[in-house]
Each structure stands twice: as C-alpha cells, then as structure tokens.
Amino acid sequence: MAMVGERLKVLRDSIGVPLTKIAEMAGTNPSSVNRFEHGNAEAGYRVLLWYADYFDVSLDYIFGRTDKPQGTQYKHQPDILKKKIEQSEEFREFIEACFDPRSPMNAKLKEMMFQLAEGGDA
C-alpha cells in the first residue's frame, strides 16, 4: 500500500497539480486521495486505472513491480509451448535433411510432412 501511495503522489507532484484537482479529475474526493498518497487507504481499481491512463503509466509501475513507467511487457510462453516449438523446429530441420531439393516431388513431400507434424490432414 505504501508503494502505491508513493507512486500516486510522485505522479501528481510531477505535473504540479493540487490534490483537490486530481481528486476531481479522478472522480473521488481530496481526503481519499490524501489517504491513498499516505498509505492509509487503498485506492479502488477505477481510480488506479484513471491514474494509469491519465499519466500514461502502467499499473505495474503504480504497484511498484517495475521502476519503468511504461511497465514491463511480458511474453507469456509456458514451458510446454517452448518445448513444442523446439521440437517443431528440430522436426522441420530433419524433414529438410530428408529430401533432396533437386527432386520434383520435394516441395509436395515436405509440405505433407509439415501438415502431418502440425496435426493437419495431408
């Protein structure tokens, strides 16, 4: 709670807007903003989203999960997906090695193998 309050205060101070004006713009009252900034109360998600949008920062920044205002972009890639991609690449390399590129059937055979490997109909 303290980190969120600190970040809200820093954001407000960064543009020199009085607490009363921020409260009005955020759709809350000045005493609530004061409590948020001092860590005595938790801001609701609507207020936090307003801060993020208004100041063009991420919620990760507001919550102290990163010091980068633009936030952290996560690339969600579970281990099972990583393994499947690796296996798929290895299989593609194997197929490439199996067929002579000078063969007239090469392209068709490779495509059939790729379709089979991806679970499609050949």
N, C-alpha and C. Protein backbone atom coordinates (compact mmCIF):
# COMPACT_ATOMS: atom_id res chain seq x y z
N MET A 1 0.83 -1.19 0.00
CA MET A 1 0.00 0.00 0.00
C MET A 1 0.87 1.25 0.00
N ALA A 2 1.97 1.22 0.73
CA ALA A 2 2.85 2.38 0.81
C ALA A 2 3.44 2.72 -0.55
N MET A 3 3.87 1.69 -1.30
CA MET A 3 4.46 1.92 -2.62
C MET A 3 3.46 2.58 -3.55
N VAL A 4 2.23 2.09 -3.54
CA VAL A 4 1.19 2.65 -4.41
C VAL A 4 0.99 4.12 -4.06
N GLY A 5 0.87 4.42 -2.79
CA GLY A 5 0.68 5.79 -2.35
C GLY A 5 1.82 6.70 -2.78
N GLU A 6 3.04 6.20 -2.61
CA GLU A 6 4.21 6.98 -3.02
C GLU A 6 4.16 7.28 -4.52
N ARG A 7 3.83 6.25 -5.30
CA ARG A 7 3.79 6.44 -6.76
C ARG A 7 2.69 7.43 -7.15
N LEU A 8 1.53 7.35 -6.50
CA LEU A 8 0.44 8.28 -6.82
C LEU A 8 0.87 9.71 -6.51
N LYS A 9 1.54 9.89 -5.40
CA LYS A 9 2.00 11.24 -5.02
C LYS A 9 3.06 11.74 -5.98
N VAL A 10 4.01 10.89 -6.33
CA VAL A 10 5.05 11.28 -7.28
C VAL A 10 4.44 11.68 -8.62
N LEU A 11 3.47 10.92 -9.07
CA LEU A 11 2.82 11.25 -10.34
C LEU A 11 2.13 12.61 -10.26
N ARG A 12 1.40 12.83 -9.18
CA ARG A 12 0.70 14.11 -9.02
C ARG A 12 1.70 15.26 -8.93
N ASP A 13 2.72 15.09 -8.12
CA ASP A 13 3.73 16.14 -7.95
C ASP A 13 4.49 16.42 -9.25
N SER A 14 4.63 15.39 -10.08
CA SER A 14 5.40 15.55 -11.32
C SER A 14 4.78 16.56 -12.28
N ILE A 15 3.50 16.80 -12.14
CA ILE A 15 2.84 17.78 -13.01
C ILE A 15 2.37 19.01 -12.24
N GLY A 16 2.63 19.01 -10.95
CA GLY A 16 2.31 20.18 -10.13
C GLY A 16 0.83 20.48 -9.99
N VAL A 17 0.02 19.44 -9.99
CA VAL A 17 -1.43 19.63 -9.85
C VAL A 17 -1.82 19.45 -8.39
N PRO A 18 -2.64 20.35 -7.86
CA PRO A 18 -3.06 20.20 -6.46
C PRO A 18 -3.88 18.93 -6.25
N LEU A 19 -3.81 18.44 -5.05
CA LEU A 19 -4.54 17.24 -4.65
C LEU A 19 -6.03 17.37 -4.96
N THR A 20 -6.59 18.55 -4.73
CA THR A 20 -8.03 18.75 -4.97
C THR A 20 -8.39 18.59 -6.44
N LYS A 21 -7.52 19.05 -7.32
CA LYS A 21 -7.77 18.94 -8.77
C LYS A 21 -7.68 17.48 -9.22
N ILE A 22 -6.66 16.78 -8.73
CA ILE A 22 -6.52 15.35 -9.07
C ILE A 22 -7.75 14.58 -8.60
N ALA A 23 -8.19 14.86 -7.39
CA ALA A 23 -9.36 14.17 -6.85
C ALA A 23 -10.57 14.41 -7.74
N GLU A 24 -10.76 15.64 -8.15
CA GLU A 24 -11.90 15.97 -9.02
C GLU A 24 -11.81 15.22 -10.34
N MET A 25 -10.62 15.24 -10.95
CA MET A 25 -10.44 14.56 -12.24
C MET A 25 -10.59 13.05 -12.11
N ALA A 26 -10.12 12.50 -10.99
CA ALA A 26 -10.17 11.05 -10.79
C ALA A 26 -11.54 10.56 -10.33
N GLY A 27 -12.43 11.50 -10.03
CA GLY A 27 -13.77 11.11 -9.62
C GLY A 27 -13.85 10.66 -8.17
N THR A 28 -13.00 11.23 -7.34
CA THR A 28 -13.02 10.90 -5.92
C THR A 28 -12.90 12.21 -5.14
N ASN A 29 -12.71 12.13 -3.85
CA ASN A 29 -12.62 13.36 -3.06
C ASN A 29 -11.18 13.57 -2.56
N PRO A 30 -10.83 14.81 -2.22
CA PRO A 30 -9.47 15.12 -1.80
C PRO A 30 -8.99 14.33 -0.58
N SER A 31 -9.89 14.09 0.38
CA SER A 31 -9.45 13.34 1.56
C SER A 31 -9.09 11.91 1.20
N SER A 32 -9.78 11.33 0.23
CA SER A 32 -9.44 9.97 -0.22
C SER A 32 -8.07 9.96 -0.88
N VAL A 33 -7.83 10.92 -1.76
CA VAL A 33 -6.52 10.99 -2.43
C VAL A 33 -5.42 11.17 -1.39
N ASN A 34 -5.66 12.00 -0.41
CA ASN A 34 -4.68 12.20 0.67
C ASN A 34 -4.40 10.88 1.39
N ARG A 35 -5.45 10.13 1.69
CA ARG A 35 -5.27 8.83 2.36
C ARG A 35 -4.52 7.84 1.45
N PHE A 36 -4.83 7.85 0.14
CA PHE A 36 -4.13 6.97 -0.80
C PHE A 36 -2.64 7.30 -0.80
N GLU A 37 -2.34 8.59 -0.93
CA GLU A 37 -0.95 9.02 -1.04
C GLU A 37 -0.14 8.74 0.23
N HIS A 38 -0.79 8.73 1.37
CA HIS A 38 -0.09 8.47 2.62
C HIS A 38 -0.16 7.01 3.07
N GLY A 39 -0.75 6.16 2.23
CA GLY A 39 -0.82 4.74 2.53
C GLY A 39 -1.80 4.37 3.62
N ASN A 40 -2.76 5.26 3.89
CA ASN A 40 -3.75 4.99 4.93
C ASN A 40 -5.01 4.33 4.38
N ALA A 41 -5.13 4.28 3.06
CA ALA A 41 -6.27 3.63 2.42
C ALA A 41 -5.83 3.14 1.05
N GLU A 42 -6.52 2.14 0.55
CA GLU A 42 -6.21 1.61 -0.78
C GLU A 42 -7.14 2.23 -1.81
N ALA A 43 -6.57 2.69 -2.89
CA ALA A 43 -7.37 3.23 -3.98
C ALA A 43 -8.06 2.07 -4.70
N GLY A 44 -9.29 2.30 -5.12
CA GLY A 44 -10.02 1.29 -5.89
C GLY A 44 -9.46 1.15 -7.29
N TYR A 45 -9.83 0.08 -7.94
CA TYR A 45 -9.27 -0.19 -9.27
C TYR A 45 -9.63 0.90 -10.27
N ARG A 46 -10.81 1.52 -10.16
CA ARG A 46 -11.18 2.58 -11.10
C ARG A 46 -10.26 3.79 -10.96
N VAL A 47 -9.93 4.13 -9.74
CA VAL A 47 -9.02 5.27 -9.50
C VAL A 47 -7.63 4.92 -10.02
N LEU A 48 -7.18 3.70 -9.76
CA LEU A 48 -5.85 3.29 -10.22
C LEU A 48 -5.78 3.27 -11.75
N LEU A 49 -6.84 2.79 -12.37
CA LEU A 49 -6.87 2.80 -13.84
C LEU A 49 -6.87 4.23 -14.37
N TRP A 50 -7.59 5.12 -13.67
CA TRP A 50 -7.60 6.52 -14.09
C TRP A 50 -6.18 7.08 -14.03
N TYR A 51 -5.47 6.85 -12.92
CA TYR A 51 -4.10 7.33 -12.79
C TYR A 51 -3.23 6.78 -13.93
N ALA A 52 -3.33 5.50 -14.18
CA ALA A 52 -2.52 4.88 -15.24
C ALA A 52 -2.80 5.51 -16.58
N ASP A 53 -4.07 5.72 -16.89
CA ASP A 53 -4.43 6.33 -18.18
C ASP A 53 -4.02 7.80 -18.24
N TYR A 54 -4.32 8.54 -17.20
CA TYR A 54 -4.05 9.97 -17.19
C TYR A 54 -2.56 10.26 -17.29
N PHE A 55 -1.75 9.52 -16.53
CA PHE A 55 -0.31 9.76 -16.51
C PHE A 55 0.44 8.90 -17.52
N ASP A 56 -0.30 8.08 -18.25
CA ASP A 56 0.27 7.20 -19.27
C ASP A 56 1.39 6.33 -18.69
N VAL A 57 1.06 5.66 -17.60
CA VAL A 57 1.98 4.72 -16.96
C VAL A 57 1.27 3.38 -16.81
N SER A 58 2.03 2.35 -16.54
CA SER A 58 1.43 1.03 -16.36
C SER A 58 1.02 0.82 -14.90
N LEU A 59 0.11 -0.09 -14.71
CA LEU A 59 -0.26 -0.47 -13.34
C LEU A 59 0.91 -1.16 -12.65
N ASP A 60 1.76 -1.85 -13.41
CA ASP A 60 2.96 -2.45 -12.83
C ASP A 60 3.82 -1.36 -12.18
N TYR A 61 3.91 -0.22 -12.83
CA TYR A 61 4.68 0.89 -12.26
C TYR A 61 4.01 1.40 -10.99
N ILE A 62 2.71 1.62 -11.04
CA ILE A 62 1.99 2.12 -9.87
C ILE A 62 2.12 1.16 -8.69
N PHE A 63 2.06 -0.13 -8.95
CA PHE A 63 2.16 -1.13 -7.87
C PHE A 63 3.60 -1.41 -7.44
N GLY A 64 4.56 -0.78 -8.10
CA GLY A 64 5.96 -0.96 -7.71
C GLY A 64 6.59 -2.24 -8.23
N ARG A 65 5.96 -2.86 -9.21
CA ARG A 65 6.53 -4.10 -9.77
C ARG A 65 7.67 -3.80 -10.73
N THR A 66 7.76 -2.56 -11.18
CA THR A 66 8.84 -2.11 -12.04
C THR A 66 9.07 -0.64 -11.79
N ASP A 67 10.27 -0.19 -12.10
CA ASP A 67 10.56 1.24 -11.98
C ASP A 67 10.42 1.95 -13.32
N LYS A 68 10.04 1.20 -14.34
CA LYS A 68 9.84 1.78 -15.67
C LYS A 68 8.37 2.21 -15.78
N PRO A 69 8.12 3.50 -15.96
CA PRO A 69 6.72 3.95 -16.07
C PRO A 69 5.94 3.26 -17.18
N GLN A 70 6.62 2.89 -18.26
CA GLN A 70 5.92 2.22 -19.36
C GLN A 70 5.59 0.78 -19.02
N GLY A 71 6.11 0.29 -17.91
CA GLY A 71 5.79 -1.06 -17.46
C GLY A 71 6.71 -2.09 -18.07
N THR A 72 6.38 -3.31 -17.79
CA THR A 72 7.12 -4.45 -18.30
C THR A 72 6.19 -5.23 -19.21
N GLN A 73 6.66 -5.47 -20.39
CA GLN A 73 5.85 -6.27 -21.30
C GLN A 73 6.25 -7.72 -21.14
N TYR A 74 5.28 -8.51 -20.77
CA TYR A 74 5.54 -9.91 -20.53
C TYR A 74 5.26 -10.71 -21.78
N LYS A 75 6.13 -11.64 -22.06
CA LYS A 75 5.91 -12.56 -23.17
C LYS A 75 5.62 -13.90 -22.52
N HIS A 76 4.35 -14.18 -22.40
CA HIS A 76 3.93 -15.42 -21.73
C HIS A 76 4.19 -16.59 -22.66
N GLN A 77 5.08 -17.45 -22.24
CA GLN A 77 5.38 -18.63 -23.04
C GLN A 77 5.64 -19.79 -22.08
N PRO A 78 4.60 -20.56 -21.77
CA PRO A 78 4.77 -21.68 -20.85
C PRO A 78 5.82 -22.67 -21.34
N ASP A 79 6.42 -23.39 -20.42
CA ASP A 79 7.46 -24.36 -20.76
C ASP A 79 6.99 -25.37 -21.79
N ILE A 80 5.76 -25.81 -21.68
CA ILE A 80 5.25 -26.82 -22.62
C ILE A 80 5.23 -26.27 -24.05
N LEU A 81 4.91 -24.98 -24.18
CA LEU A 81 4.90 -24.36 -25.50
C LEU A 81 6.32 -24.21 -26.02
N LYS A 82 7.25 -23.86 -25.16
CA LYS A 82 8.66 -23.74 -25.56
C LYS A 82 9.16 -25.07 -26.10
N LYS A 83 8.84 -26.16 -25.40
CA LYS A 83 9.29 -27.49 -25.83
C LYS A 83 8.70 -27.86 -27.18
N LYS A 84 7.42 -27.55 -27.36
CA LYS A 84 6.76 -27.89 -28.62
C LYS A 84 7.39 -27.11 -29.78
N ILE A 85 7.70 -25.85 -29.55
CA ILE A 85 8.34 -25.04 -30.59
C ILE A 85 9.71 -25.59 -30.92
N GLU A 86 10.48 -25.93 -29.88
CA GLU A 86 11.81 -26.51 -30.11
C GLU A 86 11.71 -27.81 -30.89
N GLN A 87 10.77 -28.68 -30.51
CA GLN A 87 10.61 -29.96 -31.20
C GLN A 87 10.17 -29.73 -32.64
N SER A 88 9.30 -28.76 -32.84
CA SER A 88 8.81 -28.46 -34.18
C SER A 88 9.97 -27.99 -35.07
N GLU A 89 10.82 -27.13 -34.52
CA GLU A 89 11.97 -26.66 -35.29
C GLU A 89 12.93 -27.80 -35.61
N GLU A 90 13.18 -28.67 -34.63
CA GLU A 90 14.05 -29.82 -34.86
C GLU A 90 13.45 -30.73 -35.93
N PHE A 91 12.14 -30.93 -35.88
CA PHE A 91 11.47 -31.80 -36.86
C PHE A 91 11.55 -31.18 -38.25
N ARG A 92 11.37 -29.85 -38.33
CA ARG A 92 11.48 -29.18 -39.63
C ARG A 92 12.88 -29.36 -40.21
N GLU A 93 13.90 -29.25 -39.37
CA GLU A 93 15.28 -29.44 -39.82
C GLU A 93 15.48 -30.88 -40.32
N PHE A 94 14.91 -31.84 -39.60
CA PHE A 94 15.00 -33.24 -40.00
C PHE A 94 14.36 -33.45 -41.38
N ILE A 95 13.17 -32.88 -41.56
CA ILE A 95 12.47 -33.05 -42.84
C ILE A 95 13.29 -32.43 -43.98
N GLU A 96 13.84 -31.25 -43.74
CA GLU A 96 14.66 -30.60 -44.76
C GLU A 96 15.82 -31.50 -45.16
N ALA A 97 16.44 -32.15 -44.18
CA ALA A 97 17.58 -33.01 -44.45
C ALA A 97 17.19 -34.29 -45.17
N CYS A 98 15.94 -34.72 -45.04
CA CYS A 98 15.50 -35.99 -45.61
C CYS A 98 15.23 -35.92 -47.12
N PHE A 99 14.97 -34.78 -47.62
CA PHE A 99 14.55 -34.69 -49.02
C PHE A 99 15.57 -33.95 -49.87
N ASP A 100 15.81 -34.51 -51.02
CA ASP A 100 16.75 -33.92 -51.97
C ASP A 100 16.06 -32.73 -52.63
N PRO A 101 16.63 -31.55 -52.51
CA PRO A 101 15.99 -30.36 -53.08
C PRO A 101 15.86 -30.41 -54.60
N ARG A 102 16.60 -31.29 -55.27
CA ARG A 102 16.50 -31.37 -56.74
C ARG A 102 15.34 -32.24 -57.19
N SER A 103 14.72 -32.97 -56.26
CA SER A 103 13.62 -33.86 -56.61
C SER A 103 12.38 -33.05 -56.97
N PRO A 104 11.65 -33.46 -58.04
CA PRO A 104 10.43 -32.74 -58.41
C PRO A 104 9.32 -32.89 -57.36
N MET A 105 9.37 -33.93 -56.54
CA MET A 105 8.35 -34.16 -55.51
C MET A 105 8.74 -33.54 -54.17
N ASN A 106 9.92 -32.95 -54.10
CA ASN A 106 10.46 -32.43 -52.85
C ASN A 106 9.48 -31.49 -52.14
N ALA A 107 9.00 -30.48 -52.81
CA ALA A 107 8.13 -29.48 -52.18
C ALA A 107 6.84 -30.12 -51.68
N LYS A 108 6.23 -30.99 -52.50
CA LYS A 108 4.99 -31.63 -52.09
C LYS A 108 5.19 -32.54 -50.88
N LEU A 109 6.24 -33.34 -50.88
CA LEU A 109 6.52 -34.24 -49.77
C LEU A 109 6.80 -33.46 -48.49
N LYS A 110 7.58 -32.41 -48.60
CA LYS A 110 7.86 -31.59 -47.41
C LYS A 110 6.58 -30.99 -46.86
N GLU A 111 5.75 -30.47 -47.71
CA GLU A 111 4.50 -29.86 -47.24
C GLU A 111 3.61 -30.89 -46.56
N MET A 112 3.53 -32.09 -47.11
CA MET A 112 2.74 -33.16 -46.49
C MET A 112 3.29 -33.49 -45.10
N MET A 113 4.60 -33.57 -44.98
CA MET A 113 5.22 -33.88 -43.69
C MET A 113 4.94 -32.77 -42.68
N PHE A 114 5.04 -31.52 -43.12
CA PHE A 114 4.76 -30.39 -42.22
C PHE A 114 3.31 -30.43 -41.74
N GLN A 115 2.39 -30.74 -42.66
CA GLN A 115 0.98 -30.82 -42.29
C GLN A 115 0.74 -31.94 -41.27
N LEU A 116 1.36 -33.07 -41.51
CA LEU A 116 1.23 -34.19 -40.56
C LEU A 116 1.79 -33.82 -39.18
N ALA A 117 2.92 -33.15 -39.20
CA ALA A 117 3.56 -32.77 -37.95
C ALA A 117 2.73 -31.77 -37.17
N GLU A 118 1.98 -30.94 -37.87
CA GLU A 118 1.15 -29.92 -37.22
C GLU A 118 -0.24 -30.43 -36.90
N GLY A 119 -0.48 -31.69 -37.22
CA GLY A 119 -1.77 -32.29 -36.88
C GLY A 119 -2.84 -32.09 -37.94
N GLY A 120 -2.45 -31.61 -39.12
CA GLY A 120 -3.43 -31.39 -40.19
C GLY A 120 -3.55 -32.60 -41.07
N ASP A 121 -4.47 -32.53 -41.98
CA ASP A 121 -4.66 -33.62 -42.95
C ASP A 121 -3.70 -33.42 -44.11
N ALA A 122 -3.09 -34.49 -44.53
CA ALA A 122 -2.14 -34.42 -45.65
C ALA A 122 -2.84 -34.59 -46.96
